[in-house]
Amino acid sequence: MSSLWWWALALLTLPIWWHRQKRERLKAEPLATARFLPRANPQQQRVWAWVDRALLLARCLLLACAIAWLADLVLPWRGDTVLVGAGVDPAWAERQIADAGFKKAARIDLPAGDALAWLRVHEREWHDDARLLVVASQPMQAVVPRFRHRVELRSMALPPARSEHRVAIVSERAEQWRAMFAALDGPRRYLIETTPSPKTELVIWDVAQAPPVDLRAPLWWVGDTAAFPELGKAASVDGLRYADSARGRLWSAAPPMDAGAARSQFETWQRLHYPPVPFTAPSQVFAADPSSPITSGSGALRHFLGLALLALFALERTLTHARRN
């Protein structure tokens, strides 16, 4: 869509037309034999003359710069480059860069996220003959990405990030619930509370009394459905009844009686409540595809174009004021 702004370059004819003014000039030359000629009225000739050329140039540049800012101008200026994803092991990255022959190439440290998606947005910044190496923990995409450059991907799987989750247990069978979370091991740490707080992600409500009206949580495990009438006619999937309420999402649950039941309940919780963990894409090479669609600009030059707009506007105002005086 931004490329359509280049059609606005036709507006450059407006200041040009404005600065070309018609001037009338009387052209009369006396002749010695004019008295022998029949009388005729003086002829007038219209000529075009340029006026205020410096002001015209400033206005044309100002208009062209504004159009370039709207069109998100991108000029290819990068050469061979290594894109290093966030969180990768530096020693492993250095080995991959040396093995691929990119030791002398420029490097860009990418923000956290999808490295190939970032490259897709900024690809127009590279020359046509540039080589690209991506060293990152790249999540697998549903569709094979296409690039206009040859892109080599060296991917590694990062260990799960350590996180902390708060669980509030309100139950007369609290020890049975605690045993389930005590057996969990890994990067996720579960803090057991007796009173829900605003940071609580899971509330296990296993008493007949209804919770306070103002108590909210993303997920509730309800052991006694008498406290939540919403679960009385709730839908059921694989024996799990669920419903949405003003307090949060409700699940019917009971303390697991053995390790297998605890594992099944935990996996169901992780699978249904949290977003899936993406698979790491394998290392591979994406061949250059000239038919790959061109993406819109990445805004890399908009900061400089904005500064140029301010400077040209100040210059145009100064020249206009000087002309009036």
C-alpha atoms as a PDB file:
ATOM      1  CA  MET A   1       0.000   0.000   0.000  1.00  0.00           C
ATOM      2  CA  SER A   2       2.837   2.435   0.828  1.00  0.00           C
ATOM      3  CA  SER A   3       4.273   2.117  -2.702  1.00  0.00           C
ATOM      4  CA  LEU A   4       1.152   3.826  -4.066  1.00  0.00           C
ATOM      5  CA  TRP A   5       2.354   7.046  -2.477  1.00  0.00           C
ATOM      6  CA  TRP A   6       4.985   7.350  -5.222  1.00  0.00           C
ATOM      7  CA  TRP A   7       2.192   8.297  -7.607  1.00  0.00           C
ATOM      8  CA  ALA A   8       1.949  11.497  -5.577  1.00  0.00           C
ATOM      9  CA  LEU A   9       5.226  12.654  -7.150  1.00  0.00           C
ATOM     10  CA  ALA A  10       3.016  14.159  -9.838  1.00  0.00           C
ATOM     11  CA  LEU A  11       2.224  16.856  -7.266  1.00  0.00           C
ATOM     12  CA  LEU A  12       5.708  18.263  -7.869  1.00  0.00           C
ATOM     13  CA  THR A  13       4.234  20.003 -10.901  1.00  0.00           C
ATOM     14  CA  LEU A  14       2.225  22.288  -8.593  1.00  0.00           C
ATOM     15  CA  PRO A  15       5.122  24.353  -7.205  1.00  0.00           C
ATOM     16  CA  ILE A  16       6.746  24.325 -10.646  1.00  0.00           C
ATOM     17  CA  TRP A  17       3.567  25.707 -12.226  1.00  0.00           C
ATOM     18  CA  TRP A  18       3.205  28.245  -9.430  1.00  0.00           C
ATOM     19  CA  HIS A  19       6.720  29.603  -9.901  1.00  0.00           C
ATOM     20  CA  ARG A  20       6.457  29.908 -13.682  1.00  0.00           C
ATOM     21  CA  GLN A  21       4.719  33.205 -14.147  1.00  0.00           C
ATOM     22  CA  LYS A  22       3.617  34.814 -17.373  1.00  0.00           C
ATOM     23  CA  ARG A  23       5.237  38.093 -18.179  1.00  0.00           C
ATOM     24  CA  GLU A  24       4.256  40.368 -21.027  1.00  0.00           C
ATOM     25  CA  ARG A  25       6.960  42.202 -22.865  1.00  0.00           C
ATOM     26  CA  LEU A  26       6.473  44.952 -25.454  1.00  0.00           C
ATOM     27  CA  LYS A  27       8.869  44.459 -28.314  1.00  0.00           C
ATOM     28  CA  ALA A  28       9.224  47.619 -30.433  1.00  0.00           C
ATOM     29  CA  GLU A  29      12.164  48.573 -32.653  1.00  0.00           C
ATOM     30  CA  PRO A  30      12.265  51.980 -34.436  1.00  0.00           C
ATOM     31  CA  LEU A  31      12.948  51.908 -38.184  1.00  0.00           C
ATOM     32  CA  ALA A  32      13.998  54.823 -40.380  1.00  0.00           C
ATOM     33  CA  THR A  33      11.541  53.825 -43.062  1.00  0.00           C
ATOM     34  CA  ALA A  34       8.692  53.272 -40.628  1.00  0.00           C
ATOM     35  CA  ARG A  35       6.910  56.379 -41.911  1.00  0.00           C
ATOM     36  CA  PHE A  36       6.423  54.714 -45.312  1.00  0.00           C
ATOM     37  CA  LEU A  37       4.743  51.677 -43.728  1.00  0.00           C
ATOM     38  CA  PRO A  38       1.094  51.452 -42.813  1.00  0.00           C
ATOM     39  CA  ARG A  39       0.363  52.107 -39.172  1.00  0.00           C
ATOM     40  CA  ALA A  40       0.099  48.982 -36.979  1.00  0.00           C
ATOM     41  CA  ASN A  41      -0.446  48.392 -33.295  1.00  0.00           C
ATOM     42  CA  PRO A  42       2.534  47.183 -31.228  1.00  0.00           C
ATOM     43  CA  GLN A  43       2.752  43.413 -30.878  1.00  0.00           C
ATOM     44  CA  GLN A  44       2.981  41.784 -27.466  1.00  0.00           C
ATOM     45  CA  GLN A  45       4.888  38.591 -26.782  1.00  0.00           C
ATOM     46  CA  ARG A  46       4.282  36.374 -23.739  1.00  0.00           C
ATOM     47  CA  VAL A  47       7.305  34.633 -22.277  1.00  0.00           C
ATOM     48  CA  TRP A  48       7.810  32.264 -19.324  1.00  0.00           C
ATOM     49  CA  ALA A  49      10.271  33.304 -16.646  1.00  0.00           C
ATOM     50  CA  TRP A  50      11.503  31.452 -13.566  1.00  0.00           C
ATOM     51  CA  VAL A  51      11.179  33.378 -10.313  1.00  0.00           C
ATOM     52  CA  ASP A  52      12.548  32.564  -6.825  1.00  0.00           C
ATOM     53  CA  ARG A  53      14.486  29.518  -7.927  1.00  0.00           C
ATOM     54  CA  ALA A  54      15.909  28.797  -4.466  1.00  0.00           C
ATOM     55  CA  LEU A  55      12.415  28.842  -2.967  1.00  0.00           C
ATOM     56  CA  LEU A  56      11.145  26.604  -5.770  1.00  0.00           C
ATOM     57  CA  LEU A  57      13.908  24.081  -5.118  1.00  0.00           C
ATOM     58  CA  ALA A  58      13.181  24.074  -1.374  1.00  0.00           C
ATOM     59  CA  ARG A  59       9.468  23.488  -1.929  1.00  0.00           C
ATOM     60  CA  CYS A  60      10.055  20.682  -4.421  1.00  0.00           C
ATOM     61  CA  LEU A  61      12.479  18.966  -2.051  1.00  0.00           C
ATOM     62  CA  LEU A  62      10.049  19.395   0.841  1.00  0.00           C
ATOM     63  CA  LEU A  63       7.212  17.814  -1.127  1.00  0.00           C
ATOM     64  CA  ALA A  64       9.404  14.966  -2.411  1.00  0.00           C
ATOM     65  CA  CYS A  65      10.681  14.259   1.103  1.00  0.00           C
ATOM     66  CA  ALA A  66       7.131  14.155   2.472  1.00  0.00           C
ATOM     67  CA  ILE A  67       6.109  11.666  -0.226  1.00  0.00           C
ATOM     68  CA  ALA A  68       9.181   9.518   0.515  1.00  0.00           C
ATOM     69  CA  TRP A  69       8.260   9.521   4.220  1.00  0.00           C
ATOM     70  CA  LEU A  70       4.703   8.407   3.447  1.00  0.00           C
ATOM     71  CA  ALA A  71       5.915   5.748   0.991  1.00  0.00           C
ATOM     72  CA  ASP A  72       8.422   4.465   3.587  1.00  0.00           C
ATOM     73  CA  LEU A  73      11.469   4.743   1.355  1.00  0.00           C
ATOM     74  CA  VAL A  74      13.938   1.863   1.653  1.00  0.00           C
ATOM     75  CA  LEU A  75      17.401   2.000   0.093  1.00  0.00           C
ATOM     76  CA  PRO A  76      19.404  -1.257   0.030  1.00  0.00           C
ATOM     77  CA  TRP A  77      22.662  -0.608   1.853  1.00  0.00           C
ATOM     78  CA  ARG A  78      23.528  -3.775   3.775  1.00  0.00           C
ATOM     79  CA  GLY A  79      25.936  -6.472   2.604  1.00  0.00           C
ATOM     80  CA  ASP A  80      26.720  -9.933   3.980  1.00  0.00           C
ATOM     81  CA  THR A  81      25.208 -10.102   7.457  1.00  0.00           C
ATOM     82  CA  VAL A  82      24.823 -12.449  10.401  1.00  0.00           C
ATOM     83  CA  LEU A  83      21.567 -12.137  12.346  1.00  0.00           C
ATOM     84  CA  VAL A  84      22.036 -13.338  15.925  1.00  0.00           C
ATOM     85  CA  GLY A  85      18.875 -14.182  17.818  1.00  0.00           C
ATOM     86  CA  ALA A  86      18.298 -13.294  21.436  1.00  0.00           C
ATOM     87  CA  GLY A  87      19.259 -15.858  24.053  1.00  0.00           C
ATOM     88  CA  VAL A  88      21.516 -18.105  21.955  1.00  0.00           C
ATOM     89  CA  ASP A  89      24.742 -19.422  23.447  1.00  0.00           C
ATOM     90  CA  PRO A  90      27.571 -17.066  22.338  1.00  0.00           C
ATOM     91  CA  ALA A  91      30.120 -19.886  22.006  1.00  0.00           C
ATOM     92  CA  TRP A  92      27.737 -21.952  19.887  1.00  0.00           C
ATOM     93  CA  ALA A  93      26.931 -18.914  17.746  1.00  0.00           C
ATOM     94  CA  GLU A  94      30.628 -18.226  17.107  1.00  0.00           C
ATOM     95  CA  ARG A  95      31.175 -21.808  15.975  1.00  0.00           C
ATOM     96  CA  GLN A  96      28.243 -21.634  13.576  1.00  0.00           C
ATOM     97  CA  ILE A  97      29.402 -18.311  12.142  1.00  0.00           C
ATOM     98  CA  ALA A  98      32.925 -19.601  11.564  1.00  0.00           C
ATOM     99  CA  ASP A  99      31.657 -22.844  10.043  1.00  0.00           C
ATOM    100  CA  ALA A 100      29.420 -20.942   7.593  1.00  0.00           C
ATOM    101  CA  GLY A 101      32.235 -18.600   6.533  1.00  0.00           C
ATOM    102  CA  PHE A 102      30.695 -15.393   7.887  1.00  0.00           C
ATOM    103  CA  LYS A 103      33.467 -14.334  10.289  1.00  0.00           C
ATOM    104  CA  LYS A 104      34.008 -11.020   8.462  1.00  0.00           C
ATOM    105  CA  ALA A 105      30.323 -10.285   7.895  1.00  0.00           C
ATOM    106  CA  ALA A 106      28.430  -7.582   9.751  1.00  0.00           C
ATOM    107  CA  ARG A 107      26.333  -8.675  12.717  1.00  0.00           C
ATOM    108  CA  ILE A 108      22.922  -7.633  13.960  1.00  0.00           C
ATOM    109  CA  ASP A 109      21.618  -8.616  17.387  1.00  0.00           C
ATOM    110  CA  LEU A 110      17.922  -9.312  16.957  1.00  0.00           C
ATOM    111  CA  PRO A 111      15.225  -8.653  19.541  1.00  0.00           C
ATOM    112  CA  ALA A 112      13.431 -11.570  21.135  1.00  0.00           C
ATOM    113  CA  GLY A 113      10.927 -13.227  18.840  1.00  0.00           C
ATOM    114  CA  ASP A 114      10.775 -14.746  15.378  1.00  0.00           C
ATOM    115  CA  ALA A 115      14.097 -14.051  13.621  1.00  0.00           C
ATOM    116  CA  LEU A 116      12.853 -15.001  10.144  1.00  0.00           C
ATOM    117  CA  ALA A 117       9.789 -12.786  10.533  1.00  0.00           C
ATOM    118  CA  TRP A 118      12.070  -9.865  11.416  1.00  0.00           C
ATOM    119  CA  LEU A 119      14.190 -10.577   8.352  1.00  0.00           C
ATOM    120  CA  ARG A 120      11.107 -10.762   6.143  1.00  0.00           C
ATOM    121  CA  VAL A 121      10.118  -7.236   7.169  1.00  0.00           C
ATOM    122  CA  HIS A 122      13.620  -5.752   6.739  1.00  0.00           C
ATOM    123  CA  GLU A 123      14.776  -7.746   3.706  1.00  0.00           C
ATOM    124  CA  ARG A 124      14.641  -4.747   1.365  1.00  0.00           C
ATOM    125  CA  GLU A 125      17.574  -3.211   3.256  1.00  0.00           C
ATOM    126  CA  TRP A 126      20.047  -5.710   1.736  1.00  0.00           C
ATOM    127  CA  HIS A 127      21.745  -5.628  -1.659  1.00  0.00           C
ATOM    128  CA  ASP A 128      20.668  -8.246  -4.179  1.00  0.00           C
ATOM    129  CA  ASP A 129      23.957 -10.156  -3.914  1.00  0.00           C
ATOM    130  CA  ALA A 130      24.114 -10.100  -0.095  1.00  0.00           C
ATOM    131  CA  ARG A 131      24.396 -13.361   1.851  1.00  0.00           C
ATOM    132  CA  LEU A 132      22.480 -13.839   5.081  1.00  0.00           C
ATOM    133  CA  LEU A 133      23.071 -16.160   8.017  1.00  0.00           C
ATOM    134  CA  VAL A 134      20.515 -16.469  10.815  1.00  0.00           C
ATOM    135  CA  VAL A 135      21.800 -17.908  14.093  1.00  0.00           C
ATOM    136  CA  ALA A 136      18.855 -18.154  16.461  1.00  0.00           C
ATOM    137  CA  SER A 137      16.350 -20.312  18.264  1.00  0.00           C
ATOM    138  CA  GLN A 138      13.860 -20.219  15.419  1.00  0.00           C
ATOM    139  CA  PRO A 139      10.304 -21.480  16.014  1.00  0.00           C
ATOM    140  CA  MET A 140       8.946 -23.659  13.247  1.00  0.00           C
ATOM    141  CA  GLN A 141       6.522 -21.881  10.947  1.00  0.00           C
ATOM    142  CA  ALA A 142       3.411 -23.340   9.384  1.00  0.00           C
ATOM    143  CA  VAL A 143       4.524 -22.307   5.877  1.00  0.00           C
ATOM    144  CA  VAL A 144       8.064 -22.407   4.521  1.00  0.00           C
ATOM    145  CA  PRO A 145       9.228 -18.773   4.356  1.00  0.00           C
ATOM    146  CA  ARG A 146      10.314 -17.294   1.036  1.00  0.00           C
ATOM    147  CA  PHE A 147      13.051 -14.706   0.610  1.00  0.00           C
ATOM    148  CA  ARG A 148      14.597 -12.858  -2.301  1.00  0.00           C
ATOM    149  CA  HIS A 149      18.047 -13.589  -0.860  1.00  0.00           C
ATOM    150  CA  ARG A 150      19.769 -16.826  -0.008  1.00  0.00           C
ATOM    151  CA  VAL A 151      19.252 -17.306   3.719  1.00  0.00           C
ATOM    152  CA  GLU A 152      21.015 -19.939   5.798  1.00  0.00           C
ATOM    153  CA  LEU A 153      19.434 -20.821   9.133  1.00  0.00           C
ATOM    154  CA  ARG A 154      21.430 -22.313  12.002  1.00  0.00           C
ATOM    155  CA  SER A 155      18.931 -23.043  14.743  1.00  0.00           C
ATOM    156  CA  MET A 156      19.270 -24.306  18.294  1.00  0.00           C
ATOM    157  CA  ALA A 157      16.662 -25.219  20.884  1.00  0.00           C
ATOM    158  CA  LEU A 158      16.807 -23.039  23.978  1.00  0.00           C
ATOM    159  CA  PRO A 159      16.056 -24.523  27.392  1.00  0.00           C
ATOM    160  CA  PRO A 160      12.680 -23.491  28.809  1.00  0.00           C
ATOM    161  CA  ALA A 161      12.817 -20.179  30.587  1.00  0.00           C
ATOM    162  CA  ARG A 162      12.468 -20.248  34.342  1.00  0.00           C
ATOM    163  CA  SER A 163       9.161 -18.868  35.551  1.00  0.00           C
ATOM    164  CA  GLU A 164       7.168 -18.527  38.736  1.00  0.00           C
ATOM    165  CA  HIS A 165       3.464 -19.304  39.107  1.00  0.00           C
ATOM    166  CA  ARG A 166       1.263 -18.726  42.135  1.00  0.00           C
ATOM    167  CA  VAL A 167      -1.370 -21.260  43.165  1.00  0.00           C
ATOM    168  CA  ALA A 168      -3.850 -20.651  45.991  1.00  0.00           C
ATOM    169  CA  ILE A 169      -5.337 -23.719  47.701  1.00  0.00           C
ATOM    170  CA  VAL A 170      -8.519 -23.305  49.737  1.00  0.00           C
ATOM    171  CA  SER A 171      -9.471 -26.830  50.727  1.00  0.00           C
ATOM    172  CA  GLU A 172      -9.876 -29.228  53.615  1.00  0.00           C
ATOM    173  CA  ARG A 173      -7.765 -31.630  51.531  1.00  0.00           C
ATOM    174  CA  ALA A 174      -4.939 -29.167  51.056  1.00  0.00           C
ATOM    175  CA  GLU A 175      -2.205 -31.749  51.703  1.00  0.00           C
ATOM    176  CA  GLN A 176      -3.387 -33.900  48.807  1.00  0.00           C
ATOM    177  CA  TRP A 177      -3.319 -30.908  46.486  1.00  0.00           C
ATOM    178  CA  ARG A 178       0.097 -29.840  47.761  1.00  0.00           C
ATOM    179  CA  ALA A 179       1.506 -33.292  47.073  1.00  0.00           C
ATOM    180  CA  MET A 180       0.695 -32.872  43.389  1.00  0.00           C
ATOM    181  CA  PHE A 181       2.661 -29.627  43.072  1.00  0.00           C
ATOM    182  CA  ALA A 182       5.496 -30.825  45.306  1.00  0.00           C
ATOM    183  CA  ALA A 183       6.225 -33.615  42.823  1.00  0.00           C
ATOM    184  CA  LEU A 184       6.654 -31.165  39.936  1.00  0.00           C
ATOM    185  CA  ASP A 185      10.199 -30.388  38.892  1.00  0.00           C
ATOM    186  CA  GLY A 186      11.585 -28.225  36.125  1.00  0.00           C
ATOM    187  CA  PRO A 187      12.044 -24.583  35.159  1.00  0.00           C
ATOM    188  CA  ARG A 188       8.535 -23.681  36.318  1.00  0.00           C
ATOM    189  CA  ARG A 189       8.273 -22.985  40.011  1.00  0.00           C
ATOM    190  CA  TYR A 190       4.895 -23.144  41.744  1.00  0.00           C
ATOM    191  CA  LEU A 191       4.343 -21.094  44.884  1.00  0.00           C
ATOM    192  CA  ILE A 192       1.523 -22.405  47.058  1.00  0.00           C
ATOM    193  CA  GLU A 193      -0.570 -19.822  48.910  1.00  0.00           C
ATOM    194  CA  THR A 194      -3.443 -20.167  51.333  1.00  0.00           C
ATOM    195  CA  THR A 195      -5.042 -16.859  50.376  1.00  0.00           C
ATOM    196  CA  PRO A 196      -5.534 -15.764  46.749  1.00  0.00           C
ATOM    197  CA  SER A 197      -3.801 -12.565  45.663  1.00  0.00           C
ATOM    198  CA  PRO A 198      -3.952 -10.445  42.492  1.00  0.00           C
ATOM    199  CA  LYS A 199      -0.951 -12.412  41.135  1.00  0.00           C
ATOM    200  CA  THR A 200      -2.579 -15.809  41.648  1.00  0.00           C
ATOM    201  CA  GLU A 201      -2.939 -17.728  38.376  1.00  0.00           C
ATOM    202  CA  LEU A 202      -4.807 -20.756  39.729  1.00  0.00           C
ATOM    203  CA  VAL A 203      -7.247 -20.983  42.619  1.00  0.00           C
ATOM    204  CA  ILE A 204      -8.147 -24.449  43.903  1.00  0.00           C
ATOM    205  CA  TRP A 205     -11.490 -23.974  45.666  1.00  0.00           C
ATOM    206  CA  ASP A 206     -12.444 -27.220  47.358  1.00  0.00           C
ATOM    207  CA  VAL A 207     -14.913 -26.081  50.023  1.00  0.00           C
ATOM    208  CA  ALA A 208     -18.680 -25.718  50.012  1.00  0.00           C
ATOM    209  CA  GLN A 209     -18.641 -22.018  50.892  1.00  0.00           C
ATOM    210  CA  ALA A 210     -18.801 -19.584  47.992  1.00  0.00           C
ATOM    211  CA  PRO A 211     -15.725 -17.387  47.464  1.00  0.00           C
ATOM    212  CA  PRO A 212     -15.857 -13.621  48.017  1.00  0.00           C
ATOM    213  CA  VAL A 213     -17.684 -11.754  45.290  1.00  0.00           C
ATOM    214  CA  ASP A 214     -14.690  -9.580  44.389  1.00  0.00           C
ATOM    215  CA  LEU A 215     -12.224 -12.483  44.124  1.00  0.00           C
ATOM    216  CA  ARG A 216     -10.896 -12.986  40.589  1.00  0.00           C
ATOM    217  CA  ALA A 217      -8.421 -15.407  38.998  1.00  0.00           C
ATOM    218  CA  PRO A 218      -7.697 -16.608  35.453  1.00  0.00           C
ATOM    219  CA  LEU A 219      -8.511 -20.234  36.343  1.00  0.00           C
ATOM    220  CA  TRP A 220     -10.389 -22.028  39.124  1.00  0.00           C
ATOM    221  CA  TRP A 221     -10.283 -25.702  39.998  1.00  0.00           C
ATOM    222  CA  VAL A 222     -13.543 -26.399  41.766  1.00  0.00           C
ATOM    223  CA  GLY A 223     -13.674 -29.431  44.025  1.00  0.00           C
ATOM    224  CA  ASP A 224     -17.155 -28.756  45.431  1.00  0.00           C
ATOM    225  CA  THR A 225     -19.522 -27.545  42.718  1.00  0.00           C
ATOM    226  CA  ALA A 226     -22.025 -26.337  45.320  1.00  0.00           C
ATOM    227  CA  ALA A 227     -20.017 -23.120  45.564  1.00  0.00           C
ATOM    228  CA  PHE A 228     -20.313 -22.504  41.809  1.00  0.00           C
ATOM    229  CA  PRO A 229     -23.805 -23.020  40.355  1.00  0.00           C
ATOM    230  CA  GLU A 230     -22.390 -22.276  36.885  1.00  0.00           C
ATOM    231  CA  LEU A 231     -20.903 -25.776  36.757  1.00  0.00           C
ATOM    232  CA  GLY A 232     -24.266 -27.435  37.339  1.00  0.00           C
ATOM    233  CA  LYS A 233     -25.185 -27.377  33.633  1.00  0.00           C
ATOM    234  CA  ALA A 234     -21.716 -26.813  32.229  1.00  0.00           C
ATOM    235  CA  ALA A 235     -20.381 -28.564  29.152  1.00  0.00           C
ATOM    236  CA  SER A 236     -18.185 -31.603  29.658  1.00  0.00           C
ATOM    237  CA  VAL A 237     -15.162 -32.879  27.713  1.00  0.00           C
ATOM    238  CA  ASP A 238     -13.467 -36.139  28.754  1.00  0.00           C
ATOM    239  CA  GLY A 239     -15.100 -35.900  32.167  1.00  0.00           C
ATOM    240  CA  LEU A 240     -13.977 -32.298  32.689  1.00  0.00           C
ATOM    241  CA  ARG A 241     -16.763 -29.790  33.203  1.00  0.00           C
ATOM    242  CA  TYR A 242     -15.919 -26.199  32.385  1.00  0.00           C
ATOM    243  CA  ALA A 243     -17.661 -22.841  32.323  1.00  0.00           C
ATOM    244  CA  ASP A 244     -16.814 -19.148  32.149  1.00  0.00           C
ATOM    245  CA  SER A 245     -17.931 -16.864  34.951  1.00  0.00           C
ATOM    246  CA  ALA A 246     -17.363 -13.346  36.208  1.00  0.00           C
ATOM    247  CA  ARG A 247     -14.658 -14.689  38.533  1.00  0.00           C
ATOM    248  CA  GLY A 248     -12.750 -16.472  35.745  1.00  0.00           C
ATOM    249  CA  ARG A 249     -12.766 -19.823  33.969  1.00  0.00           C
ATOM    250  CA  LEU A 250     -14.066 -22.722  36.063  1.00  0.00           C
ATOM    251  CA  TRP A 251     -12.971 -26.356  35.867  1.00  0.00           C
ATOM    252  CA  SER A 252     -14.292 -29.251  37.881  1.00  0.00           C
ATOM    253  CA  ALA A 253     -11.411 -31.044  39.592  1.00  0.00           C
ATOM    254  CA  ALA A 254     -10.572 -33.416  42.414  1.00  0.00           C
ATOM    255  CA  PRO A 255      -7.288 -34.232  44.164  1.00  0.00           C
ATOM    256  CA  PRO A 256      -5.394 -36.890  42.170  1.00  0.00           C
ATOM    257  CA  MET A 257      -5.229 -40.240  43.911  1.00  0.00           C
ATOM    258  CA  ASP A 258      -2.051 -41.544  42.255  1.00  0.00           C
ATOM    259  CA  ALA A 259       0.890 -40.432  40.138  1.00  0.00           C
ATOM    260  CA  GLY A 260      -0.828 -41.270  36.841  1.00  0.00           C
ATOM    261  CA  ALA A 261      -3.877 -39.175  37.685  1.00  0.00           C
ATOM    262  CA  ALA A 262      -1.666 -36.298  38.819  1.00  0.00           C
ATOM    263  CA  ARG A 263       0.337 -36.424  35.586  1.00  0.00           C
ATOM    264  CA  SER A 264      -2.823 -36.493  33.473  1.00  0.00           C
ATOM    265  CA  GLN A 265      -4.349 -33.574  35.366  1.00  0.00           C
ATOM    266  CA  PHE A 266      -1.174 -31.509  35.093  1.00  0.00           C
ATOM    267  CA  GLU A 267      -0.798 -32.178  31.355  1.00  0.00           C
ATOM    268  CA  THR A 268      -4.431 -31.240  30.760  1.00  0.00           C
ATOM    269  CA  TRP A 269      -3.885 -27.994  32.624  1.00  0.00           C
ATOM    270  CA  GLN A 270      -0.777 -27.108  30.616  1.00  0.00           C
ATOM    271  CA  ARG A 271      -2.307 -28.123  27.295  1.00  0.00           C
ATOM    272  CA  LEU A 272      -5.646 -26.341  27.619  1.00  0.00           C
ATOM    273  CA  HIS A 273      -4.827 -23.255  29.645  1.00  0.00           C
ATOM    274  CA  TYR A 274      -1.409 -22.144  28.393  1.00  0.00           C
ATOM    275  CA  PRO A 275      -0.350 -21.447  24.795  1.00  0.00           C
ATOM    276  CA  PRO A 276       1.506 -24.298  23.092  1.00  0.00           C
ATOM    277  CA  VAL A 277       5.286 -24.321  23.161  1.00  0.00           C
ATOM    278  CA  PRO A 278       6.539 -23.919  19.572  1.00  0.00           C
ATOM    279  CA  PHE A 279       8.837 -26.502  18.045  1.00  0.00           C
ATOM    280  CA  THR A 280      12.318 -25.384  17.066  1.00  0.00           C
ATOM    281  CA  ALA A 281      12.860 -25.326  13.312  1.00  0.00           C
ATOM    282  CA  PRO A 282      15.741 -27.455  11.988  1.00  0.00           C
ATOM    283  CA  SER A 283      18.813 -25.859  10.451  1.00  0.00           C
ATOM    284  CA  GLN A 284      18.304 -25.383   6.726  1.00  0.00           C
ATOM    285  CA  VAL A 285      19.033 -23.189   3.713  1.00  0.00           C
ATOM    286  CA  PHE A 286      16.373 -21.110   1.966  1.00  0.00           C
ATOM    287  CA  ALA A 287      17.226 -20.604  -1.688  1.00  0.00           C
ATOM    288  CA  ALA A 288      16.709 -17.180  -3.223  1.00  0.00           C
ATOM    289  CA  ASP A 289      13.230 -16.836  -4.691  1.00  0.00           C
ATOM    290  CA  PRO A 290      12.901 -13.860  -7.080  1.00  0.00           C
ATOM    291  CA  SER A 291       9.126 -14.325  -7.122  1.00  0.00           C
ATOM    292  CA  SER A 292       8.869 -13.800  -3.374  1.00  0.00           C
ATOM    293  CA  PRO A 293       6.409 -10.972  -2.647  1.00  0.00           C
ATOM    294  CA  ILE A 294       7.928  -7.644  -1.694  1.00  0.00           C
ATOM    295  CA  THR A 295       7.000  -6.563   1.784  1.00  0.00           C
ATOM    296  CA  SER A 296       6.236  -3.025   2.825  1.00  0.00           C
ATOM    297  CA  GLY A 297       9.016  -0.871   4.210  1.00  0.00           C
ATOM    298  CA  SER A 298      10.391  -1.355   7.687  1.00  0.00           C
ATOM    299  CA  GLY A 299      10.590   2.342   8.547  1.00  0.00           C
ATOM    300  CA  ALA A 300      14.391   2.270   8.739  1.00  0.00           C
ATOM    301  CA  LEU A 301      14.763   5.693   7.070  1.00  0.00           C
ATOM    302  CA  ARG A 302      11.720   7.430   8.493  1.00  0.00           C
ATOM    303  CA  HIS A 303      13.698   8.981  11.330  1.00  0.00           C
ATOM    304  CA  PHE A 304      16.170  10.590   8.927  1.00  0.00           C
ATOM    305  CA  LEU A 305      13.410  11.610   6.533  1.00  0.00           C
ATOM    306  CA  GLY A 306      11.577  13.229   9.421  1.00  0.00           C
ATOM    307  CA  LEU A 307      14.659  15.269  10.308  1.00  0.00           C
ATOM    308  CA  ALA A 308      15.035  16.259   6.654  1.00  0.00           C
ATOM    309  CA  LEU A 309      11.395  17.358   6.590  1.00  0.00           C
ATOM    310  CA  LEU A 310      11.931  19.626   9.584  1.00  0.00           C
ATOM    311  CA  ALA A 311      15.061  21.153   8.060  1.00  0.00           C
ATOM    312  CA  LEU A 312      13.433  21.730   4.667  1.00  0.00           C
ATOM    313  CA  PHE A 313      10.326  23.218   6.251  1.00  0.00           C
ATOM    314  CA  ALA A 314      12.441  25.667   8.238  1.00  0.00           C
ATOM    315  CA  LEU A 315      14.393  26.575   5.084  1.00  0.00           C
ATOM    316  CA  GLU A 316      11.207  27.072   3.056  1.00  0.00           C
ATOM    317  CA  ARG A 317       9.703  29.348   5.710  1.00  0.00           C
ATOM    318  CA  THR A 318      12.925  31.365   5.899  1.00  0.00           C
ATOM    319  CA  LEU A 319      13.087  31.874   2.131  1.00  0.00           C
ATOM    320  CA  THR A 320       9.408  32.796   1.990  1.00  0.00           C
ATOM    321  CA  HIS A 321       9.863  35.399   4.715  1.00  0.00           C
ATOM    322  CA  ALA A 322      12.951  36.829   3.000  1.00  0.00           C
ATOM    323  CA  ARG A 323      11.050  37.076  -0.296  1.00  0.00           C
ATOM    324  CA  ARG A 324       8.250  39.102   1.287  1.00  0.00           C
ATOM    325  CA  ASN A 325      10.703  41.531   2.810  1.00  0.00           C
END
